[in-house]
Amino acid sequence: MPKFSANLSFLYQELPFLDRFAAAARDGFAALEYLGPYAEPKEKVVEALKASGLQQALFNVPSGDWAGGERGIACLPDRIDEFRNGVTLALDYARALDCPQINVISGLAPNGSDLEVLDRVLVENLKYAAERAADAGVKLLIEPINLRDIPGFFLSTTAHAERILDKVNSGNLYIQYDFYHMQVMQGDLIPTFTRLKDRIAHVQIADNPGRNEPGTGEINYGFILSELNRLGYDGWVGCEYKPKAGTSEGLNWMKPYLK
């Protein structure tokens, strides 16, 4: 039976961030995730999490100026110190929230950049981060993201993610497999997941087109969720989608799994 994590950077947008924790609990979610908790003091985030009774499933390492259009800094040669300081901050929050895994957003490839240089920078940053995370008992993840939603994103396919994992050569680096992003980029969702399942630590879902809740598009999530169960995936299923008509109102798709 799948266990669902509410991504609070997408769901319950009508509520202040910390109020979303209780809303997710009321709707039957078992865990929480989001882009990052860093705008709030960790003590307040811990308080909201404990009050909700939910688990912290995941959040991202600081990813630069998100509001200004940045989408990660891990591959950027001039942001290495900033990235590594962000790893320290992320692990500080992870310890406080008892969060078992953190995700690295690789970043946009600057126009005219040498992609081999970006690759080397990303690999060296991940070697550093994977070791620091292992020392803290936290898994480190990387996420391929589709180029339609984020043009220029450096890491956009599972093939590239595999190459990065091979180069980093750490027992503490995994893939975050977002079925929506991978449907846009490459399809073949379950065969790819099956081949890579030992290297995947977290999955996320949204339908396509539109990135709305399951059941609104072309992806057969009934099949996908049953296959995850059959294949023995016991991690969280992150609900990272844009509700069409409000979060709570659009959760009929999830109710059969909560019985």
Protein backbone atom coordinates (compact mmCIF):
# COMPACT_ATOMS: atom_id res chain seq x y z
CA MET A 1 0.00 0.00 0.00
CA PRO A 2 1.52 3.36 -0.98
CA LYS A 3 2.19 5.94 1.70
CA PHE A 4 1.71 9.54 0.60
CA SER A 5 3.70 12.66 1.40
CA ALA A 6 2.13 16.08 0.81
CA ASN A 7 4.38 18.53 -0.99
CA LEU A 8 3.54 21.78 0.75
CA SER A 9 5.20 23.91 -1.91
CA PHE A 10 2.38 22.83 -4.24
CA LEU A 11 -0.56 21.83 -2.01
CA TYR A 12 -2.65 24.02 0.35
CA GLN A 13 -1.39 27.22 -1.24
CA GLU A 14 -4.30 29.16 0.25
CA LEU A 15 -2.77 28.70 3.73
CA PRO A 16 0.37 30.11 5.36
CA PHE A 17 3.22 27.63 5.15
CA LEU A 18 3.17 26.36 8.72
CA ASP A 19 -0.64 26.01 8.71
CA ARG A 20 -0.35 23.57 5.80
CA PHE A 21 1.07 20.90 8.12
CA ALA A 22 -2.18 20.43 10.03
CA ALA A 23 -4.23 20.61 6.82
CA ALA A 24 -2.24 17.74 5.33
CA ALA A 25 -2.76 15.66 8.47
CA ARG A 26 -6.52 16.24 8.37
CA ASP A 27 -6.65 15.02 4.77
CA GLY A 28 -4.91 11.74 5.54
CA PHE A 29 -1.34 12.34 4.43
CA ALA A 30 1.30 10.53 6.45
CA ALA A 31 4.30 12.78 5.72
CA LEU A 32 5.41 16.15 4.41
CA GLU A 33 7.90 17.49 1.91
CA TYR A 34 8.58 20.86 0.31
CA LEU A 35 11.23 22.83 -1.55
CA GLY A 36 12.79 24.08 1.66
CA PRO A 37 11.97 25.19 5.22
CA TYR A 38 14.62 27.86 5.44
CA ALA A 39 12.33 30.91 5.51
CA GLU A 40 11.13 29.77 8.95
CA PRO A 41 13.22 29.23 12.09
CA LYS A 42 13.78 25.51 12.49
CA GLU A 43 12.19 25.59 15.95
CA LYS A 44 8.89 26.75 14.47
CA VAL A 45 9.03 24.12 11.74
CA VAL A 46 9.73 21.41 14.33
CA GLU A 47 6.79 22.64 16.42
CA ALA A 48 4.41 22.55 13.44
CA LEU A 49 5.63 19.10 12.41
CA LYS A 50 5.21 17.66 15.90
CA ALA A 51 1.75 19.19 16.27
CA SER A 52 0.68 17.62 12.95
CA GLY A 53 1.83 14.15 13.96
CA LEU A 54 3.33 13.65 10.50
CA GLN A 55 6.81 12.62 9.40
CA GLN A 56 9.24 14.75 7.47
CA ALA A 57 9.96 12.86 4.25
CA LEU A 58 12.18 15.19 2.25
CA PHE A 59 13.23 18.72 1.41
CA ASN A 60 15.78 20.32 -0.89
CA VAL A 61 19.22 21.68 -0.19
CA PRO A 62 19.13 25.51 -0.58
CA SER A 63 18.82 26.17 -4.32
CA GLY A 64 19.79 29.80 -4.83
CA ASP A 65 17.36 32.62 -5.54
CA TRP A 66 14.27 30.58 -6.42
CA ALA A 67 11.97 33.61 -6.59
CA GLY A 68 14.48 35.27 -8.91
CA GLY A 69 14.46 32.34 -11.32
CA GLU A 70 17.39 30.25 -10.11
CA ARG A 71 16.79 26.50 -10.00
CA GLY A 72 19.68 25.18 -8.00
CA ILE A 73 23.39 26.02 -7.89
CA ALA A 74 25.10 22.63 -7.54
CA CYS A 75 26.57 22.62 -11.06
CA LEU A 76 27.76 26.25 -11.07
CA PRO A 77 31.53 26.77 -10.78
CA ASP A 78 31.21 30.18 -9.11
CA ARG A 79 28.76 28.99 -6.41
CA ILE A 80 30.66 26.09 -4.84
CA ASP A 81 31.14 27.68 -1.42
CA GLU A 82 27.50 28.74 -1.32
CA PHE A 83 26.35 25.24 -2.22
CA ARG A 84 28.49 23.63 0.46
CA ASN A 85 27.30 26.09 3.09
CA GLY A 86 23.78 25.19 2.02
CA VAL A 87 24.50 21.52 2.64
CA THR A 88 25.48 22.38 6.20
CA LEU A 89 22.25 24.33 6.68
CA ALA A 90 20.13 21.56 5.15
CA LEU A 91 21.66 18.94 7.44
CA ASP A 92 21.06 21.18 10.45
CA TYR A 93 17.34 21.32 9.59
CA ALA A 94 17.32 17.60 8.75
CA ARG A 95 18.62 16.72 12.20
CA ALA A 96 16.05 18.93 13.89
CA LEU A 97 13.18 17.52 11.80
CA ASP A 98 14.41 13.91 11.85
CA CYS A 99 14.34 14.03 8.04
CA PRO A 100 15.92 10.94 6.43
CA GLN A 101 16.80 12.45 3.05
CA ILE A 102 17.58 15.72 1.29
CA ASN A 103 17.46 16.48 -2.43
CA VAL A 104 19.91 18.47 -4.54
CA ILE A 105 18.57 20.63 -7.39
CA SER A 106 21.37 20.76 -9.93
CA GLY A 107 20.77 24.15 -11.53
CA LEU A 108 20.46 25.79 -14.94
CA ALA A 109 23.27 25.50 -17.45
CA PRO A 110 24.39 29.08 -18.25
CA ASN A 111 24.31 30.00 -21.94
CA GLY A 112 27.59 29.12 -23.62
CA SER A 113 28.90 27.15 -20.66
CA ASP A 114 31.16 24.14 -20.98
CA LEU A 115 28.91 21.23 -20.02
CA GLU A 116 31.86 19.06 -19.06
CA VAL A 117 32.92 21.69 -16.54
CA LEU A 118 29.41 21.82 -15.08
CA ASP A 119 29.41 18.04 -14.85
CA ARG A 120 32.70 18.01 -12.97
CA VAL A 121 31.52 20.69 -10.56
CA LEU A 122 28.29 18.82 -9.88
CA VAL A 123 30.16 15.56 -9.28
CA GLU A 124 32.64 17.15 -6.86
CA ASN A 125 29.86 18.95 -4.98
CA LEU A 126 27.89 15.72 -4.69
CA LYS A 127 30.93 13.82 -3.43
CA TYR A 128 31.27 16.42 -0.69
CA ALA A 129 27.55 16.48 0.10
CA ALA A 130 27.08 12.70 0.04
CA GLU A 131 29.89 12.22 2.56
CA ARG A 132 28.58 14.95 4.86
CA ALA A 133 25.06 13.56 4.63
CA ALA A 134 26.26 10.01 5.33
CA ASP A 135 28.01 11.25 8.48
CA ALA A 136 24.64 12.69 9.57
CA GLY A 137 22.71 9.52 8.70
CA VAL A 138 20.84 11.27 5.87
CA LYS A 139 20.44 10.07 2.27
CA LEU A 140 21.40 12.47 -0.53
CA LEU A 141 19.28 12.57 -3.70
CA ILE A 142 19.45 14.17 -7.14
CA GLU A 143 16.43 14.80 -9.35
CA PRO A 144 16.11 14.85 -13.14
CA ILE A 145 13.65 17.63 -14.12
CA ASN A 146 12.01 18.11 -17.49
CA LEU A 147 13.17 20.78 -19.94
CA ARG A 148 9.68 21.95 -20.87
CA ASP A 149 8.94 23.30 -17.40
CA ILE A 150 12.51 24.40 -16.71
CA PRO A 151 14.34 25.11 -19.98
CA GLY A 152 18.09 24.79 -19.58
CA PHE A 153 17.98 22.57 -16.50
CA PHE A 154 21.27 20.71 -16.36
CA LEU A 155 20.04 17.30 -15.18
CA SER A 156 16.99 16.23 -17.19
CA THR A 157 17.17 12.45 -17.81
CA THR A 158 17.68 9.28 -15.82
CA ALA A 159 20.60 8.42 -18.13
CA HIS A 160 22.44 11.57 -17.03
CA ALA A 161 21.56 10.86 -13.40
CA GLU A 162 23.03 7.36 -13.73
CA ARG A 163 26.26 8.77 -15.13
CA ILE A 164 26.47 11.21 -12.23
CA LEU A 165 25.93 8.45 -9.67
CA ASP A 166 28.62 6.36 -11.33
CA LYS A 167 31.11 9.24 -11.26
CA VAL A 168 30.38 10.18 -7.65
CA ASN A 169 30.69 6.50 -6.68
CA SER A 170 29.09 6.91 -3.27
CA GLY A 171 26.87 4.49 -1.40
CA ASN A 172 24.90 7.52 -0.22
CA LEU A 173 23.67 9.09 -3.45
CA TYR A 174 20.30 8.20 -4.95
CA ILE A 175 17.79 9.33 -7.57
CA GLN A 176 14.52 11.09 -6.87
CA TYR A 177 12.24 9.73 -9.58
CA ASP A 178 9.40 12.09 -10.47
CA PHE A 179 6.98 10.25 -12.75
CA TYR A 180 5.67 13.52 -14.19
CA HIS A 181 9.08 14.84 -15.19
CA MET A 182 10.07 11.51 -16.65
CA GLN A 183 6.84 11.16 -18.63
CA VAL A 184 7.58 14.50 -20.27
CA MET A 185 11.23 13.66 -20.98
CA GLN A 186 11.34 9.97 -21.81
CA GLY A 187 8.24 7.90 -20.96
CA ASP A 188 8.72 4.16 -20.36
CA LEU A 189 7.98 4.88 -16.73
CA ILE A 190 7.72 1.51 -15.02
CA PRO A 191 10.44 -0.30 -17.03
CA THR A 192 12.82 2.54 -16.18
CA PHE A 193 11.81 2.52 -12.53
CA THR A 194 12.19 -1.26 -12.39
CA ARG A 195 15.71 -1.10 -13.82
CA LEU A 196 16.77 1.67 -11.44
CA LYS A 197 14.77 0.83 -8.33
CA ASP A 198 17.83 0.04 -6.23
CA ARG A 199 19.15 3.53 -7.02
CA ILE A 200 15.84 5.33 -6.34
CA ALA A 201 15.11 6.57 -2.81
CA HIS A 202 12.01 8.70 -3.38
CA VAL A 203 9.28 9.12 -5.99
CA GLN A 204 6.94 11.98 -6.81
CA ILE A 205 3.73 12.07 -8.81
CA ALA A 206 1.64 14.46 -10.91
CA ASP A 207 -0.37 13.88 -14.05
CA ASN A 208 0.44 15.07 -17.54
CA PRO A 209 -0.38 17.43 -19.19
CA GLY A 210 -0.95 20.19 -16.64
CA ARG A 211 0.94 18.76 -13.66
CA ASN A 212 -2.36 18.33 -11.86
CA GLU A 213 -3.54 15.56 -9.52
CA PRO A 214 -3.58 11.90 -10.61
CA GLY A 215 -6.57 11.03 -12.76
CA THR A 216 -6.60 14.30 -14.70
CA GLY A 217 -4.29 13.28 -17.54
CA GLU A 218 -2.61 10.50 -19.46
CA ILE A 219 -0.60 8.73 -16.76
CA ASN A 220 -2.21 5.56 -15.39
CA TYR A 221 -1.48 6.03 -11.71
CA GLY A 222 -3.63 3.07 -10.68
CA PHE A 223 -1.19 0.89 -12.58
CA ILE A 224 1.89 2.77 -11.41
CA LEU A 225 1.00 2.62 -7.73
CA SER A 226 0.16 -1.08 -7.95
CA GLU A 227 3.49 -1.71 -9.68
CA LEU A 228 5.39 0.19 -7.00
CA ASN A 229 3.75 -2.07 -4.45
CA ARG A 230 4.51 -5.21 -6.47
CA LEU A 231 8.13 -4.18 -6.92
CA GLY A 232 8.57 -3.70 -3.19
CA TYR A 233 9.01 0.07 -3.14
CA ASP A 234 8.48 1.08 0.48
CA GLY A 235 9.46 4.75 0.29
CA TRP A 236 7.24 7.79 0.26
CA VAL A 237 5.13 8.82 -2.73
CA GLY A 238 5.46 12.59 -2.89
CA CYS A 239 2.38 14.42 -4.14
CA GLU A 240 3.98 17.30 -6.02
CA TYR A 241 1.17 18.56 -8.23
CA LYS A 242 -0.97 21.63 -8.87
CA PRO A 243 -4.52 21.01 -7.59
CA LYS A 244 -7.16 21.91 -10.14
CA ALA A 245 -9.86 23.00 -7.70
CA GLY A 246 -8.25 23.12 -4.28
CA THR A 247 -6.16 20.49 -2.53
CA SER A 248 -8.77 18.88 -0.29
CA GLU A 249 -11.44 18.98 -2.99
CA GLY A 250 -9.19 17.11 -5.41
CA LEU A 251 -8.16 14.19 -3.19
CA ASN A 252 -10.77 11.65 -4.34
CA TRP A 253 -7.99 9.84 -6.23
CA MET A 254 -6.21 9.12 -2.92
CA LYS A 255 -9.16 7.97 -0.79
CA PRO A 256 -9.14 4.30 -1.89
CA TYR A 257 -5.56 3.99 -0.66
CA LEU A 258 -6.38 5.39 2.78
CA LYS A 259 -8.88 2.67 3.69
